[in-house]
Amino acid sequence: MIKPTPNPPANEATSPYESLDSKKLHEAAERALNHHFAPPPGDKPKPRKGNLFAVSPDIDTEALLANASEDLLSISAIAANLADDVDGARRSLA
């Protein structure tokens, strides 16, 4: 099979990041990542007091109670499914 164009010259000294366009592309990608994933400037993280679980003070009580209720319902469903697989005294325990 005959190729209509010759092979490009092999020059390993040329880096794909040395052209002006690829540098601009790299800088634009860095700006986009920083915009979406970097914390806002001036927004310092609050120091931790060493508690294992901490609740944010800006979450309302109703949302916390709804979340706890859903967690307890999930645990209850898991226990009921496990109790179906056990017989006797262990079933009562489950």
PDB file of N, CA and C in Angstrom:
ATOM      1  N   MET A   1       0.841  -1.173   0.000  1.00  0.00           N
ATOM      2  CA  MET A   1       0.000   0.000   0.000  1.00  0.00           C
ATOM      3  C   MET A   1       0.892   1.244   0.000  1.00  0.00           C
ATOM      4  N   ILE A   2       0.614   2.185  -0.820  1.00  0.00           N
ATOM      5  CA  ILE A   2       1.402   3.404  -0.953  1.00  0.00           C
ATOM      6  C   ILE A   2       0.708   4.519  -0.196  1.00  0.00           C
ATOM      7  N   LYS A   3       1.489   5.193   0.648  1.00  0.00           N
ATOM      8  CA  LYS A   3       0.930   6.309   1.408  1.00  0.00           C
ATOM      9  C   LYS A   3       1.012   7.579   0.573  1.00  0.00           C
ATOM     10  N   PRO A   4      -0.036   8.396   0.635  1.00  0.00           N
ATOM     11  CA  PRO A   4       0.004   9.636  -0.152  1.00  0.00           C
ATOM     12  C   PRO A   4       0.921  10.695   0.450  1.00  0.00           C
ATOM     13  N   THR A   5       1.211  10.604   1.774  1.00  0.00           N
ATOM     14  CA  THR A   5       2.083  11.597   2.414  1.00  0.00           C
ATOM     15  C   THR A   5       3.230  10.879   3.112  1.00  0.00           C
ATOM     16  N   PRO A   6       4.383  11.512   3.214  1.00  0.00           N
ATOM     17  CA  PRO A   6       5.502  10.864   3.914  1.00  0.00           C
ATOM     18  C   PRO A   6       5.312  10.935   5.422  1.00  0.00           C
ATOM     19  N   ASN A   7       6.094  10.152   6.141  1.00  0.00           N
ATOM     20  CA  ASN A   7       6.053  10.182   7.600  1.00  0.00           C
ATOM     21  C   ASN A   7       6.551  11.531   8.104  1.00  0.00           C
ATOM     22  N   PRO A   8       5.996  12.027   9.213  1.00  0.00           N
ATOM     23  CA  PRO A   8       6.497  13.293   9.747  1.00  0.00           C
ATOM     24  C   PRO A   8       7.904  13.079  10.295  1.00  0.00           C
ATOM     25  N   PRO A   9       8.691  14.127  10.333  1.00  0.00           N
ATOM     26  CA  PRO A   9      10.050  13.968  10.853  1.00  0.00           C
ATOM     27  C   PRO A   9      10.024  13.618  12.346  1.00  0.00           C
ATOM     28  N   ALA A  10      10.886  12.719  12.732  1.00  0.00           N
ATOM     29  CA  ALA A  10      10.964  12.302  14.132  1.00  0.00           C
ATOM     30  C   ALA A  10      11.936  13.204  14.861  1.00  0.00           C
ATOM     31  N   ASN A  11      11.417  14.058  15.715  1.00  0.00           N
ATOM     32  CA  ASN A  11      12.246  14.965  16.491  1.00  0.00           C
ATOM     33  C   ASN A  11      11.813  14.844  17.942  1.00  0.00           C
ATOM     34  N   GLU A  12      12.545  14.076  18.737  1.00  0.00           N
ATOM     35  CA  GLU A  12      12.163  13.830  20.126  1.00  0.00           C
ATOM     36  C   GLU A  12      12.437  15.024  21.038  1.00  0.00           C
ATOM     37  N   ALA A  13      13.205  15.990  20.565  1.00  0.00           N
ATOM     38  CA  ALA A  13      13.519  17.152  21.396  1.00  0.00           C
ATOM     39  C   ALA A  13      12.323  18.088  21.535  1.00  0.00           C
ATOM     40  N   THR A  14      11.319  17.944  20.696  1.00  0.00           N
ATOM     41  CA  THR A  14      10.157  18.819  20.735  1.00  0.00           C
ATOM     42  C   THR A  14       9.133  18.266  21.724  1.00  0.00           C
ATOM     43  N   SER A  15       8.736  19.070  22.665  1.00  0.00           N
ATOM     44  CA  SER A  15       7.731  18.684  23.650  1.00  0.00           C
ATOM     45  C   SER A  15       6.372  19.205  23.203  1.00  0.00           C
ATOM     46  N   PRO A  16       5.309  18.462  23.456  1.00  0.00           N
ATOM     47  CA  PRO A  16       3.983  18.967  23.090  1.00  0.00           C
ATOM     48  C   PRO A  16       3.581  20.198  23.883  1.00  0.00           C
ATOM     49  N   TYR A  17       4.259  20.455  25.027  1.00  0.00           N
ATOM     50  CA  TYR A  17       3.916  21.604  25.845  1.00  0.00           C
ATOM     51  C   TYR A  17       4.754  22.845  25.528  1.00  0.00           C
ATOM     52  N   GLU A  18       5.598  22.740  24.532  1.00  0.00           N
ATOM     53  CA  GLU A  18       6.431  23.884  24.209  1.00  0.00           C
ATOM     54  C   GLU A  18       5.770  24.864  23.256  1.00  0.00           C
ATOM     55  N   SER A  19       4.737  24.437  22.577  1.00  0.00           N
ATOM     56  CA  SER A  19       4.074  25.371  21.673  1.00  0.00           C
ATOM     57  C   SER A  19       3.231  26.350  22.488  1.00  0.00           C
ATOM     58  N   LEU A  20       2.994  27.497  21.946  1.00  0.00           N
ATOM     59  CA  LEU A  20       2.268  28.551  22.646  1.00  0.00           C
ATOM     60  C   LEU A  20       0.825  28.142  22.917  1.00  0.00           C
ATOM     61  N   ASP A  21       0.203  27.471  21.964  1.00  0.00           N
ATOM     62  CA  ASP A  21      -1.198  27.093  22.133  1.00  0.00           C
ATOM     63  C   ASP A  21      -1.372  26.070  23.248  1.00  0.00           C
ATOM     64  N   SER A  22      -0.472  25.108  23.360  1.00  0.00           N
ATOM     65  CA  SER A  22      -0.628  24.110  24.411  1.00  0.00           C
ATOM     66  C   SER A  22      -0.377  24.722  25.792  1.00  0.00           C
ATOM     67  N   LYS A  23       0.498  25.700  25.891  1.00  0.00           N
ATOM     68  CA  LYS A  23       0.688  26.377  27.175  1.00  0.00           C
ATOM     69  C   LYS A  23      -0.571  27.129  27.581  1.00  0.00           C
ATOM     70  N   LYS A  24      -1.202  27.796  26.629  1.00  0.00           N
ATOM     71  CA  LYS A  24      -2.452  28.499  26.931  1.00  0.00           C
ATOM     72  C   LYS A  24      -3.534  27.513  27.340  1.00  0.00           C
ATOM     73  N   LEU A  25      -3.581  26.366  26.666  1.00  0.00           N
ATOM     74  CA  LEU A  25      -4.570  25.340  26.995  1.00  0.00           C
ATOM     75  C   LEU A  25      -4.330  24.808  28.404  1.00  0.00           C
ATOM     76  N   HIS A  26      -3.076  24.568  28.744  1.00  0.00           N
ATOM     77  CA  HIS A  26      -2.736  24.084  30.076  1.00  0.00           C
ATOM     78  C   HIS A  26      -3.114  25.116  31.145  1.00  0.00           C
ATOM     79  N   GLU A  27      -2.819  26.385  30.903  1.00  0.00           N
ATOM     80  CA  GLU A  27      -3.176  27.435  31.859  1.00  0.00           C
ATOM     81  C   GLU A  27      -4.688  27.562  32.006  1.00  0.00           C
ATOM     82  N   ALA A  28      -5.405  27.431  30.904  1.00  0.00           N
ATOM     83  CA  ALA A  28      -6.866  27.507  30.967  1.00  0.00           C
ATOM     84  C   ALA A  28      -7.431  26.333  31.757  1.00  0.00           C
ATOM     85  N   ALA A  29      -6.850  25.172  31.573  1.00  0.00           N
ATOM     86  CA  ALA A  29      -7.315  24.006  32.325  1.00  0.00           C
ATOM     87  C   ALA A  29      -7.052  24.186  33.818  1.00  0.00           C
ATOM     88  N   GLU A  30      -5.891  24.719  34.171  1.00  0.00           N
ATOM     89  CA  GLU A  30      -5.589  24.972  35.578  1.00  0.00           C
ATOM     90  C   GLU A  30      -6.555  25.988  36.182  1.00  0.00           C
ATOM     91  N   ARG A  31      -6.862  27.046  35.440  1.00  0.00           N
ATOM     92  CA  ARG A  31      -7.816  28.043  35.944  1.00  0.00           C
ATOM     93  C   ARG A  31      -9.186  27.416  36.151  1.00  0.00           C
ATOM     94  N   ALA A  32      -9.616  26.568  35.216  1.00  0.00           N
ATOM     95  CA  ALA A  32     -10.931  25.929  35.334  1.00  0.00           C
ATOM     96  C   ALA A  32     -10.976  25.007  36.548  1.00  0.00           C
ATOM     97  N   LEU A  33      -9.916  24.228  36.750  1.00  0.00           N
ATOM     98  CA  LEU A  33      -9.887  23.334  37.909  1.00  0.00           C
ATOM     99  C   LEU A  33      -9.871  24.122  39.213  1.00  0.00           C
ATOM    100  N   ASN A  34      -9.094  25.189  39.260  1.00  0.00           N
ATOM    101  CA  ASN A  34      -9.061  26.013  40.463  1.00  0.00           C
ATOM    102  C   ASN A  34     -10.398  26.683  40.723  1.00  0.00           C
ATOM    103  N   HIS A  35     -11.080  27.086  39.668  1.00  0.00           N
ATOM    104  CA  HIS A  35     -12.382  27.737  39.824  1.00  0.00           C
ATOM    105  C   HIS A  35     -13.403  26.778  40.431  1.00  0.00           C
ATOM    106  N   HIS A  36     -13.381  25.526  39.994  1.00  0.00           N
ATOM    107  CA  HIS A  36     -14.407  24.581  40.440  1.00  0.00           C
ATOM    108  C   HIS A  36     -14.041  23.843  41.717  1.00  0.00           C
ATOM    109  N   PHE A  37     -12.748  23.624  41.969  1.00  0.00           N
ATOM    110  CA  PHE A  37     -12.381  22.767  43.086  1.00  0.00           C
ATOM    111  C   PHE A  37     -11.622  23.459  44.207  1.00  0.00           C
ATOM    112  N   ALA A  38     -11.129  24.641  44.003  1.00  0.00           N
ATOM    113  CA  ALA A  38     -10.391  25.328  45.061  1.00  0.00           C
ATOM    114  C   ALA A  38     -11.372  25.979  46.033  1.00  0.00           C
ATOM    115  N   PRO A  39     -11.023  26.019  47.319  1.00  0.00           N
ATOM    116  CA  PRO A  39     -11.915  26.699  48.258  1.00  0.00           C
ATOM    117  C   PRO A  39     -11.923  28.197  47.979  1.00  0.00           C
ATOM    118  N   PRO A  40     -13.017  28.865  48.296  1.00  0.00           N
ATOM    119  CA  PRO A  40     -13.088  30.302  48.054  1.00  0.00           C
ATOM    120  C   PRO A  40     -12.020  31.043  48.857  1.00  0.00           C
ATOM    121  N   PRO A  41     -11.471  32.109  48.275  1.00  0.00           N
ATOM    122  CA  PRO A  41     -10.450  32.853  49.020  1.00  0.00           C
ATOM    123  C   PRO A  41     -11.056  33.530  50.241  1.00  0.00           C
ATOM    124  N   GLY A  42     -10.312  33.525  51.324  1.00  0.00           N
ATOM    125  CA  GLY A  42     -10.787  34.147  52.547  1.00  0.00           C
ATOM    126  C   GLY A  42     -11.696  33.250  53.356  1.00  0.00           C
ATOM    127  N   ASP A  43     -12.045  32.097  52.832  1.00  0.00           N
ATOM    128  CA  ASP A  43     -12.909  31.153  53.535  1.00  0.00           C
ATOM    129  C   ASP A  43     -12.017  30.125  54.217  1.00  0.00           C
ATOM    130  N   LYS A  44     -11.617  30.423  55.448  1.00  0.00           N
ATOM    131  CA  LYS A  44     -10.703  29.558  56.170  1.00  0.00           C
ATOM    132  C   LYS A  44     -11.477  28.427  56.841  1.00  0.00           C
ATOM    133  N   PRO A  45     -10.919  27.217  56.847  1.00  0.00           N
ATOM    134  CA  PRO A  45     -11.599  26.125  57.547  1.00  0.00           C
ATOM    135  C   PRO A  45     -11.609  26.370  59.055  1.00  0.00           C
ATOM    136  N   LYS A  46     -12.687  25.972  59.679  1.00  0.00           N
ATOM    137  CA  LYS A  46     -12.811  26.157  61.117  1.00  0.00           C
ATOM    138  C   LYS A  46     -11.940  25.122  61.829  1.00  0.00           C
ATOM    139  N   PRO A  47     -11.288  25.510  62.910  1.00  0.00           N
ATOM    140  CA  PRO A  47     -10.450  24.545  63.635  1.00  0.00           C
ATOM    141  C   PRO A  47     -11.315  23.456  64.270  1.00  0.00           C
ATOM    142  N   ARG A  48     -10.809  22.243  64.242  1.00  0.00           N
ATOM    143  CA  ARG A  48     -11.538  21.116  64.826  1.00  0.00           C
ATOM    144  C   ARG A  48     -11.265  21.053  66.323  1.00  0.00           C
ATOM    145  N   LYS A  49     -12.268  20.658  67.061  1.00  0.00           N
ATOM    146  CA  LYS A  49     -12.138  20.564  68.513  1.00  0.00           C
ATOM    147  C   LYS A  49     -11.772  19.158  68.953  1.00  0.00           C
ATOM    148  N   GLY A  50     -11.675  18.215  68.013  1.00  0.00           N
ATOM    149  CA  GLY A  50     -11.318  16.854  68.359  1.00  0.00           C
ATOM    150  C   GLY A  50     -12.519  15.946  68.533  1.00  0.00           C
ATOM    151  N   ASN A  51     -13.717  16.410  68.214  1.00  0.00           N
ATOM    152  CA  ASN A  51     -14.899  15.560  68.312  1.00  0.00           C
ATOM    153  C   ASN A  51     -14.913  14.575  67.158  1.00  0.00           C
ATOM    154  N   LEU A  52     -15.399  13.370  67.420  1.00  0.00           N
ATOM    155  CA  LEU A  52     -15.476  12.369  66.369  1.00  0.00           C
ATOM    156  C   LEU A  52     -16.535  12.768  65.344  1.00  0.00           C
ATOM    157  N   PHE A  53     -17.693  13.158  65.809  1.00  0.00           N
ATOM    158  CA  PHE A  53     -18.758  13.619  64.921  1.00  0.00           C
ATOM    159  C   PHE A  53     -19.118  15.043  65.308  1.00  0.00           C
ATOM    160  N   ALA A  54     -19.209  15.897  64.331  1.00  0.00           N
ATOM    161  CA  ALA A  54     -19.575  17.275  64.598  1.00  0.00           C
ATOM    162  C   ALA A  54     -20.696  17.673  63.649  1.00  0.00           C
ATOM    163  N   VAL A  55     -21.627  18.461  64.134  1.00  0.00           N
ATOM    164  CA  VAL A  55     -22.749  18.932  63.331  1.00  0.00           C
ATOM    165  C   VAL A  55     -22.512  20.395  63.010  1.00  0.00           C
ATOM    166  N   SER A  56     -22.692  20.735  61.772  1.00  0.00           N
ATOM    167  CA  SER A  56     -22.535  22.136  61.377  1.00  0.00           C
ATOM    168  C   SER A  56     -23.622  22.969  62.040  1.00  0.00           C
ATOM    169  N   PRO A  57     -23.269  24.113  62.560  1.00  0.00           N
ATOM    170  CA  PRO A  57     -24.267  24.931  63.247  1.00  0.00           C
ATOM    171  C   PRO A  57     -25.298  25.542  62.302  1.00  0.00           C
ATOM    172  N   ASP A  58     -25.024  25.555  60.992  1.00  0.00           N
ATOM    173  CA  ASP A  58     -25.969  26.182  60.074  1.00  0.00           C
ATOM    174  C   ASP A  58     -27.031  25.209  59.549  1.00  0.00           C
ATOM    175  N   ILE A  59     -27.007  23.925  59.982  1.00  0.00           N
ATOM    176  CA  ILE A  59     -28.028  22.958  59.554  1.00  0.00           C
ATOM    177  C   ILE A  59     -29.190  23.038  60.530  1.00  0.00           C
ATOM    178  N   ASP A  60     -30.411  23.093  59.989  1.00  0.00           N
ATOM    179  CA  ASP A  60     -31.568  23.211  60.870  1.00  0.00           C
ATOM    180  C   ASP A  60     -31.907  21.866  61.511  1.00  0.00           C
ATOM    181  N   THR A  61     -32.594  21.930  62.639  1.00  0.00           N
ATOM    182  CA  THR A  61     -32.908  20.750  63.437  1.00  0.00           C
ATOM    183  C   THR A  61     -33.811  19.790  62.691  1.00  0.00           C
ATOM    184  N   GLU A  62     -34.737  20.309  61.913  1.00  0.00           N
ATOM    185  CA  GLU A  62     -35.668  19.448  61.181  1.00  0.00           C
ATOM    186  C   GLU A  62     -34.936  18.550  60.189  1.00  0.00           C
ATOM    187  N   ALA A  63     -33.944  19.090  59.489  1.00  0.00           N
ATOM    188  CA  ALA A  63     -33.177  18.289  58.537  1.00  0.00           C
ATOM    189  C   ALA A  63     -32.382  17.208  59.261  1.00  0.00           C
ATOM    190  N   LEU A  64     -31.815  17.544  60.420  1.00  0.00           N
ATOM    191  CA  LEU A  64     -31.074  16.548  61.187  1.00  0.00           C
ATOM    192  C   LEU A  64     -31.974  15.432  61.690  1.00  0.00           C
ATOM    193  N   LEU A  65     -33.160  15.792  62.156  1.00  0.00           N
ATOM    194  CA  LEU A  65     -34.099  14.777  62.639  1.00  0.00           C
ATOM    195  C   LEU A  65     -34.602  13.892  61.493  1.00  0.00           C
ATOM    196  N   ALA A  66     -34.855  14.485  60.335  1.00  0.00           N
ATOM    197  CA  ALA A  66     -35.291  13.694  59.180  1.00  0.00           C
ATOM    198  C   ALA A  66     -34.202  12.719  58.756  1.00  0.00           C
ATOM    199  N   ASN A  67     -32.964  13.163  58.769  1.00  0.00           N
ATOM    200  CA  ASN A  67     -31.853  12.288  58.406  1.00  0.00           C
ATOM    201  C   ASN A  67     -31.700  11.150  59.410  1.00  0.00           C
ATOM    202  N   ALA A  68     -31.798  11.460  60.697  1.00  0.00           N
ATOM    203  CA  ALA A  68     -31.691  10.425  61.728  1.00  0.00           C
ATOM    204  C   ALA A  68     -32.825   9.420  61.600  1.00  0.00           C
ATOM    205  N   SER A  69     -34.034   9.899  61.303  1.00  0.00           N
ATOM    206  CA  SER A  69     -35.177   9.009  61.139  1.00  0.00           C
ATOM    207  C   SER A  69     -34.971   8.055  59.961  1.00  0.00           C
ATOM    208  N   GLU A  70     -34.460   8.568  58.854  1.00  0.00           N
ATOM    209  CA  GLU A  70     -34.202   7.709  57.692  1.00  0.00           C
ATOM    210  C   GLU A  70     -33.111   6.687  57.994  1.00  0.00           C
ATOM    211  N   ASP A  71     -32.089   7.092  58.752  1.00  0.00           N
ATOM    212  CA  ASP A  71     -31.036   6.154  59.131  1.00  0.00           C
ATOM    213  C   ASP A  71     -31.588   5.030  59.994  1.00  0.00           C
ATOM    214  N   LEU A  72     -32.437   5.383  60.962  1.00  0.00           N
ATOM    215  CA  LEU A  72     -33.023   4.359  61.829  1.00  0.00           C
ATOM    216  C   LEU A  72     -33.947   3.421  61.054  1.00  0.00           C
ATOM    217  N   LEU A  73     -34.691   3.929  60.080  1.00  0.00           N
ATOM    218  CA  LEU A  73     -35.532   3.070  59.248  1.00  0.00           C
ATOM    219  C   LEU A  73     -34.680   2.107  58.420  1.00  0.00           C
ATOM    220  N   SER A  74     -33.561   2.565  57.921  1.00  0.00           N
ATOM    221  CA  SER A  74     -32.665   1.696  57.157  1.00  0.00           C
ATOM    222  C   SER A  74     -32.098   0.593  58.035  1.00  0.00           C
ATOM    223  N   ILE A  75     -31.690   0.949  59.242  1.00  0.00           N
ATOM    224  CA  ILE A  75     -31.153  -0.043  60.171  1.00  0.00           C
ATOM    225  C   ILE A  75     -32.222  -1.061  60.533  1.00  0.00           C
ATOM    226  N   SER A  76     -33.432  -0.604  60.725  1.00  0.00           N
ATOM    227  CA  SER A  76     -34.545  -1.507  61.049  1.00  0.00           C
ATOM    228  C   SER A  76     -34.806  -2.484  59.905  1.00  0.00           C
ATOM    229  N   ALA A  77     -34.765  -2.009  58.671  1.00  0.00           N
ATOM    230  CA  ALA A  77     -34.989  -2.882  57.521  1.00  0.00           C
ATOM    231  C   ALA A  77     -33.871  -3.916  57.391  1.00  0.00           C
ATOM    232  N   ILE A  78     -32.636  -3.515  57.638  1.00  0.00           N
ATOM    233  CA  ILE A  78     -31.512  -4.456  57.572  1.00  0.00           C
ATOM    234  C   ILE A  78     -31.665  -5.526  58.644  1.00  0.00           C
ATOM    235  N   ALA A  79     -32.030  -5.126  59.861  1.00  0.00           N
ATOM    236  CA  ALA A  79     -32.211  -6.094  60.947  1.00  0.00           C
ATOM    237  C   ALA A  79     -33.350  -7.056  60.636  1.00  0.00           C
ATOM    238  N   ALA A  80     -34.430  -6.569  60.050  1.00  0.00           N
ATOM    239  CA  ALA A  80     -35.551  -7.442  59.708  1.00  0.00           C
ATOM    240  C   ALA A  80     -35.144  -8.456  58.638  1.00  0.00           C
ATOM    241  N   ASN A  81     -34.366  -8.025  57.653  1.00  0.00           N
ATOM    242  CA  ASN A  81     -33.907  -8.955  56.615  1.00  0.00           C
ATOM    243  C   ASN A  81     -32.963 -10.001  57.192  1.00  0.00           C
ATOM    244  N   LEU A  82     -32.105  -9.601  58.111  1.00  0.00           N
ATOM    245  CA  LEU A  82     -31.201 -10.560  58.730  1.00  0.00           C
ATOM    246  C   LEU A  82     -31.950 -11.534  59.631  1.00  0.00           C
ATOM    247  N   ALA A  83     -32.983 -11.067  60.291  1.00  0.00           N
ATOM    248  CA  ALA A  83     -33.761 -11.936  61.182  1.00  0.00           C
ATOM    249  C   ALA A  83     -34.490 -13.017  60.393  1.00  0.00           C
ATOM    250  N   ASP A  84     -34.804 -12.788  59.139  1.00  0.00           N
ATOM    251  CA  ASP A  84     -35.469 -13.805  58.324  1.00  0.00           C
ATOM    252  C   ASP A  84     -34.558 -14.999  58.057  1.00  0.00           C
ATOM    253  N   ASP A  85     -33.245 -14.794  58.124  1.00  0.00           N
ATOM    254  CA  ASP A  85     -32.304 -15.875  57.837  1.00  0.00           C
ATOM    255  C   ASP A  85     -31.911 -16.668  59.075  1.00  0.00           C
ATOM    256  N   VAL A  86     -32.405 -16.263  60.248  1.00  0.00           N
ATOM    257  CA  VAL A  86     -32.001 -16.901  61.510  1.00  0.00           C
ATOM    258  C   VAL A  86     -33.243 -17.515  62.151  1.00  0.00           C
ATOM    259  N   ASP A  87     -33.035 -18.633  62.860  1.00  0.00           N
ATOM    260  CA  ASP A  87     -34.154 -19.297  63.547  1.00  0.00           C
ATOM    261  C   ASP A  87     -33.891 -19.361  65.042  1.00  0.00           C
ATOM    262  N   GLY A  88     -34.954 -19.573  65.799  1.00  0.00           N
ATOM    263  CA  GLY A  88     -34.840 -19.802  67.232  1.00  0.00           C
ATOM    264  C   GLY A  88     -34.555 -18.548  68.036  1.00  0.00           C
ATOM    265  N   ALA A  89     -33.745 -18.731  69.092  1.00  0.00           N
ATOM    266  CA  ALA A  89     -33.463 -17.642  70.027  1.00  0.00           C
ATOM    267  C   ALA A  89     -32.655 -16.525  69.353  1.00  0.00           C
ATOM    268  N   ARG A  90     -31.845 -16.898  68.416  1.00  0.00           N
ATOM    269  CA  ARG A  90     -31.075 -15.865  67.711  1.00  0.00           C
ATOM    270  C   ARG A  90     -31.978 -14.935  66.901  1.00  0.00           C
ATOM    271  N   ARG A  91     -33.118 -15.467  66.441  1.00  0.00           N
ATOM    272  CA  ARG A  91     -34.049 -14.618  65.700  1.00  0.00           C
ATOM    273  C   ARG A  91     -34.631 -13.542  66.602  1.00  0.00           C
ATOM    274  N   SER A  92     -34.945 -13.897  67.828  1.00  0.00           N
ATOM    275  CA  SER A  92     -35.461 -12.915  68.782  1.00  0.00           C
ATOM    276  C   SER A  92     -34.419 -11.858  69.079  1.00  0.00           C
ATOM    277  N   LEU A  93     -33.176 -12.289  69.175  1.00  0.00           N
ATOM    278  CA  LEU A  93     -32.104 -11.357  69.438  1.00  0.00           C
ATOM    279  C   LEU A  93     -31.925 -10.377  68.277  1.00  0.00           C
ATOM    280  N   ALA A  94     -32.028 -10.902  67.069  1.00  0.00           N
ATOM    281  CA  ALA A  94     -31.864 -10.050  65.893  1.00  0.00           C
ATOM    282  C   ALA A  94     -33.047  -9.123  65.775  1.00  0.00           C
TER     283      ALA A  94
END
